[in-house]
Amino acid sequence: MKQKLTKAQRIKERAKESATKFKRELKKSVVTAIVAAFSFLIALSWRDLITEWITKISESSPIKSSFITTTIITIIGVIGILLISRWGNEK
């Protein structure tokens, strides 16, 4: 038979539930913010490369170093997004 909870016990249980929900939502928000930051970093990196490439087209100069830098930043950003997303999806 289930025992009746006192008013203080019910309040304590509701507080625990609220804290758990808050923690879950906070984690989701943090993950979203970090993924957005990595995505923004990738976008800025590619923007710089494209701008430089367009500028260099008129000079017909290679832009290997910027391409390599942008590719490395993209890889690091994608790995960061994957790690943070995995962390955020833990149950």
N, C-alpha and C. Protein backbone atom coordinates (compact mmCIF):
# COMPACT_ATOMS: atom_id res chain seq x y z
N MET A 1 0.84 -1.18 0.00
CA MET A 1 0.00 0.00 0.00
C MET A 1 0.89 1.25 0.00
N LYS A 2 0.52 2.21 -0.80
CA LYS A 2 1.31 3.43 -0.92
C LYS A 2 1.05 4.36 0.26
N GLN A 3 2.16 4.84 0.82
CA GLN A 3 2.06 5.71 1.99
C GLN A 3 1.78 7.14 1.54
N LYS A 4 0.91 7.84 2.26
CA LYS A 4 0.61 9.23 1.93
C LYS A 4 1.78 10.11 2.33
N LEU A 5 2.07 11.05 1.44
CA LEU A 5 3.18 11.97 1.71
C LEU A 5 2.66 13.19 2.46
N THR A 6 3.51 13.71 3.30
CA THR A 6 3.16 14.95 4.01
C THR A 6 3.29 16.10 3.03
N LYS A 7 2.77 17.22 3.42
CA LYS A 7 2.83 18.41 2.57
C LYS A 7 4.30 18.79 2.30
N ALA A 8 5.14 18.71 3.28
CA ALA A 8 6.56 19.04 3.13
C ALA A 8 7.23 18.07 2.15
N GLN A 9 6.87 16.80 2.21
CA GLN A 9 7.45 15.81 1.31
C GLN A 9 7.00 16.04 -0.13
N ARG A 10 5.73 16.41 -0.30
CA ARG A 10 5.22 16.71 -1.65
C ARG A 10 5.94 17.92 -2.23
N ILE A 11 6.14 18.94 -1.40
CA ILE A 11 6.84 20.14 -1.85
C ILE A 11 8.27 19.79 -2.25
N LYS A 12 8.91 18.96 -1.44
CA LYS A 12 10.29 18.53 -1.72
C LYS A 12 10.36 17.76 -3.04
N GLU A 13 9.42 16.89 -3.30
CA GLU A 13 9.38 16.10 -4.54
C GLU A 13 9.18 17.02 -5.75
N ARG A 14 8.27 17.97 -5.62
CA ARG A 14 8.04 18.92 -6.72
C ARG A 14 9.27 19.77 -6.98
N ALA A 15 9.98 20.16 -5.93
CA ALA A 15 11.21 20.94 -6.07
C ALA A 15 12.27 20.13 -6.81
N LYS A 16 12.39 18.83 -6.47
CA LYS A 16 13.35 17.96 -7.16
C LYS A 16 13.02 17.84 -8.64
N GLU A 17 11.74 17.64 -8.94
CA GLU A 17 11.31 17.53 -10.33
C GLU A 17 11.60 18.81 -11.09
N SER A 18 11.32 19.95 -10.48
CA SER A 18 11.59 21.24 -11.13
C SER A 18 13.08 21.44 -11.36
N ALA A 19 13.90 21.07 -10.40
CA ALA A 19 15.35 21.21 -10.55
C ALA A 19 15.87 20.32 -11.67
N THR A 20 15.34 19.11 -11.77
CA THR A 20 15.74 18.19 -12.84
C THR A 20 15.35 18.75 -14.20
N LYS A 21 14.14 19.25 -14.33
CA LYS A 21 13.69 19.85 -15.59
C LYS A 21 14.54 21.06 -15.96
N PHE A 22 14.83 21.89 -14.96
CA PHE A 22 15.65 23.09 -15.20
C PHE A 22 17.04 22.69 -15.69
N LYS A 23 17.64 21.69 -15.05
CA LYS A 23 18.97 21.23 -15.43
C LYS A 23 18.97 20.72 -16.87
N ARG A 24 17.96 19.96 -17.24
CA ARG A 24 17.85 19.42 -18.59
C ARG A 24 17.72 20.55 -19.62
N GLU A 25 16.87 21.52 -19.33
CA GLU A 25 16.68 22.65 -20.26
C GLU A 25 17.94 23.51 -20.36
N LEU A 26 18.62 23.72 -19.24
CA LEU A 26 19.86 24.49 -19.25
C LEU A 26 20.90 23.80 -20.11
N LYS A 27 21.02 22.49 -19.98
CA LYS A 27 21.98 21.73 -20.78
C LYS A 27 21.66 21.87 -22.27
N LYS A 28 20.39 21.77 -22.64
CA LYS A 28 19.98 21.94 -24.03
C LYS A 28 20.37 23.32 -24.55
N SER A 29 20.14 24.34 -23.74
CA SER A 29 20.46 25.71 -24.14
C SER A 29 21.96 25.91 -24.32
N VAL A 30 22.74 25.34 -23.41
CA VAL A 30 24.20 25.46 -23.51
C VAL A 30 24.70 24.76 -24.77
N VAL A 31 24.17 23.57 -25.04
CA VAL A 31 24.57 22.84 -26.24
C VAL A 31 24.22 23.66 -27.49
N THR A 32 23.04 24.21 -27.53
CA THR A 32 22.62 25.02 -28.68
C THR A 32 23.55 26.22 -28.87
N ALA A 33 23.89 26.89 -27.79
CA ALA A 33 24.76 28.06 -27.88
C ALA A 33 26.16 27.69 -28.36
N ILE A 34 26.71 26.59 -27.87
CA ILE A 34 28.05 26.17 -28.28
C ILE A 34 28.06 25.73 -29.73
N VAL A 35 27.04 24.99 -30.16
CA VAL A 35 26.96 24.58 -31.56
C VAL A 35 26.83 25.81 -32.46
N ALA A 36 26.05 26.77 -32.05
CA ALA A 36 25.91 28.01 -32.82
C ALA A 36 27.25 28.75 -32.92
N ALA A 37 28.01 28.76 -31.83
CA ALA A 37 29.31 29.43 -31.84
C ALA A 37 30.27 28.75 -32.82
N PHE A 38 30.33 27.41 -32.78
CA PHE A 38 31.18 26.68 -33.73
C PHE A 38 30.73 26.94 -35.17
N SER A 39 29.43 26.92 -35.39
CA SER A 39 28.91 27.16 -36.74
C SER A 39 29.26 28.56 -37.22
N PHE A 40 29.16 29.51 -36.33
CA PHE A 40 29.51 30.89 -36.68
C PHE A 40 31.00 31.00 -37.02
N LEU A 41 31.85 30.32 -36.25
CA LEU A 41 33.28 30.31 -36.52
C LEU A 41 33.57 29.72 -37.90
N ILE A 42 32.91 28.63 -38.23
CA ILE A 42 33.10 28.01 -39.55
C ILE A 42 32.66 28.98 -40.65
N ALA A 43 31.50 29.60 -40.46
CA ALA A 43 30.99 30.52 -41.47
C ALA A 43 31.94 31.71 -41.68
N LEU A 44 32.46 32.26 -40.59
CA LEU A 44 33.39 33.39 -40.72
C LEU A 44 34.68 32.97 -41.41
N SER A 45 35.14 31.78 -41.11
CA SER A 45 36.35 31.27 -41.72
C SER A 45 36.18 31.14 -43.24
N TRP A 46 35.06 30.56 -43.65
CA TRP A 46 34.79 30.42 -45.08
C TRP A 46 34.56 31.78 -45.73
N ARG A 47 33.93 32.69 -45.01
CA ARG A 47 33.70 34.02 -45.57
C ARG A 47 35.03 34.70 -45.90
N ASP A 48 35.98 34.58 -44.96
CA ASP A 48 37.30 35.18 -45.20
C ASP A 48 37.98 34.55 -46.41
N LEU A 49 37.88 33.23 -46.51
CA LEU A 49 38.49 32.55 -47.65
C LEU A 49 37.87 33.00 -48.96
N ILE A 50 36.56 33.04 -49.01
CA ILE A 50 35.87 33.43 -50.24
C ILE A 50 36.21 34.87 -50.61
N THR A 51 36.24 35.75 -49.62
CA THR A 51 36.60 37.14 -49.89
C THR A 51 38.02 37.23 -50.44
N GLU A 52 38.94 36.51 -49.81
CA GLU A 52 40.32 36.53 -50.28
C GLU A 52 40.44 35.92 -51.68
N TRP A 53 39.70 34.85 -51.91
CA TRP A 53 39.75 34.18 -53.20
C TRP A 53 39.26 35.10 -54.31
N ILE A 54 38.17 35.80 -54.06
CA ILE A 54 37.64 36.73 -55.06
C ILE A 54 38.64 37.85 -55.33
N THR A 55 39.29 38.33 -54.27
CA THR A 55 40.30 39.37 -54.43
C THR A 55 41.48 38.85 -55.24
N LYS A 56 41.88 37.62 -54.97
CA LYS A 56 43.05 37.05 -55.63
C LYS A 56 42.76 36.62 -57.06
N ILE A 57 41.52 36.37 -57.40
CA ILE A 57 41.21 35.94 -58.77
C ILE A 57 41.73 36.95 -59.78
N SER A 58 41.57 38.20 -59.47
CA SER A 58 42.04 39.22 -60.41
C SER A 58 43.56 39.21 -60.54
N GLU A 59 44.25 38.74 -59.51
CA GLU A 59 45.70 38.66 -59.55
C GLU A 59 46.18 37.27 -59.99
N SER A 60 45.30 36.31 -60.12
CA SER A 60 45.62 34.93 -60.49
C SER A 60 46.64 34.29 -59.56
N SER A 61 46.54 34.57 -58.28
CA SER A 61 47.45 34.00 -57.29
C SER A 61 46.79 32.82 -56.59
N PRO A 62 47.58 31.79 -56.26
CA PRO A 62 46.99 30.67 -55.51
C PRO A 62 46.71 31.07 -54.06
N ILE A 63 45.73 30.44 -53.47
CA ILE A 63 45.37 30.75 -52.07
C ILE A 63 45.37 29.48 -51.24
N LYS A 64 46.38 28.65 -51.47
CA LYS A 64 46.46 27.36 -50.77
C LYS A 64 46.44 27.49 -49.26
N SER A 65 47.22 28.42 -48.73
CA SER A 65 47.32 28.50 -47.26
C SER A 65 45.99 28.83 -46.61
N SER A 66 45.23 29.73 -47.17
CA SER A 66 43.92 30.07 -46.61
C SER A 66 42.95 28.90 -46.72
N PHE A 67 43.03 28.18 -47.82
CA PHE A 67 42.16 27.02 -47.99
C PHE A 67 42.47 25.97 -46.94
N ILE A 68 43.73 25.71 -46.71
CA ILE A 68 44.13 24.73 -45.71
C ILE A 68 43.69 25.18 -44.33
N THR A 69 43.90 26.46 -44.00
CA THR A 69 43.49 27.00 -42.71
C THR A 69 41.98 26.86 -42.52
N THR A 70 41.23 27.23 -43.53
CA THR A 70 39.77 27.16 -43.45
C THR A 70 39.30 25.71 -43.30
N THR A 71 39.94 24.79 -44.02
CA THR A 71 39.58 23.39 -43.91
C THR A 71 39.86 22.86 -42.51
N ILE A 72 41.00 23.21 -41.95
CA ILE A 72 41.34 22.77 -40.59
C ILE A 72 40.36 23.33 -39.57
N ILE A 73 40.02 24.61 -39.68
CA ILE A 73 39.06 25.23 -38.77
C ILE A 73 37.70 24.55 -38.89
N THR A 74 37.30 24.21 -40.12
CA THR A 74 36.03 23.53 -40.34
C THR A 74 36.03 22.16 -39.67
N ILE A 75 37.10 21.42 -39.84
CA ILE A 75 37.19 20.09 -39.24
C ILE A 75 37.12 20.19 -37.72
N ILE A 76 37.87 21.12 -37.13
CA ILE A 76 37.85 21.31 -35.68
C ILE A 76 36.44 21.70 -35.22
N GLY A 77 35.80 22.59 -35.95
CA GLY A 77 34.45 23.02 -35.60
C GLY A 77 33.44 21.88 -35.67
N VAL A 78 33.53 21.07 -36.72
CA VAL A 78 32.60 19.94 -36.87
C VAL A 78 32.82 18.92 -35.75
N ILE A 79 34.08 18.64 -35.42
CA ILE A 79 34.37 17.72 -34.31
C ILE A 79 33.80 18.29 -33.01
N GLY A 80 33.98 19.59 -32.79
CA GLY A 80 33.42 20.23 -31.59
C GLY A 80 31.91 20.11 -31.55
N ILE A 81 31.26 20.33 -32.69
CA ILE A 81 29.80 20.23 -32.76
C ILE A 81 29.36 18.80 -32.44
N LEU A 82 30.05 17.82 -33.02
CA LEU A 82 29.69 16.42 -32.75
C LEU A 82 29.85 16.07 -31.28
N LEU A 83 30.96 16.49 -30.68
CA LEU A 83 31.20 16.18 -29.26
C LEU A 83 30.16 16.84 -28.36
N ILE A 84 29.88 18.11 -28.61
CA ILE A 84 28.90 18.83 -27.80
C ILE A 84 27.50 18.25 -28.00
N SER A 85 27.17 17.90 -29.24
CA SER A 85 25.85 17.30 -29.50
C SER A 85 25.70 15.96 -28.80
N ARG A 86 26.77 15.16 -28.82
CA ARG A 86 26.73 13.87 -28.13
C ARG A 86 26.54 14.07 -26.63
N TRP A 87 27.26 15.05 -26.08
CA TRP A 87 27.15 15.36 -24.65
C TRP A 87 25.72 15.80 -24.32
N GLY A 88 25.14 16.60 -25.20
CA GLY A 88 23.79 17.11 -24.98
C GLY A 88 22.72 16.06 -25.08
N ASN A 89 23.00 14.98 -25.81
CA ASN A 89 21.99 13.93 -26.00
C ASN A 89 22.11 12.80 -24.99
N GLU A 90 23.04 12.93 -24.02
CA GLU A 90 23.15 11.90 -22.99
C GLU A 90 21.86 11.83 -22.20
N LYS A 91 21.49 10.63 -21.84
CA LYS A 91 20.23 10.48 -21.08
C LYS A 91 20.50 10.26 -19.64
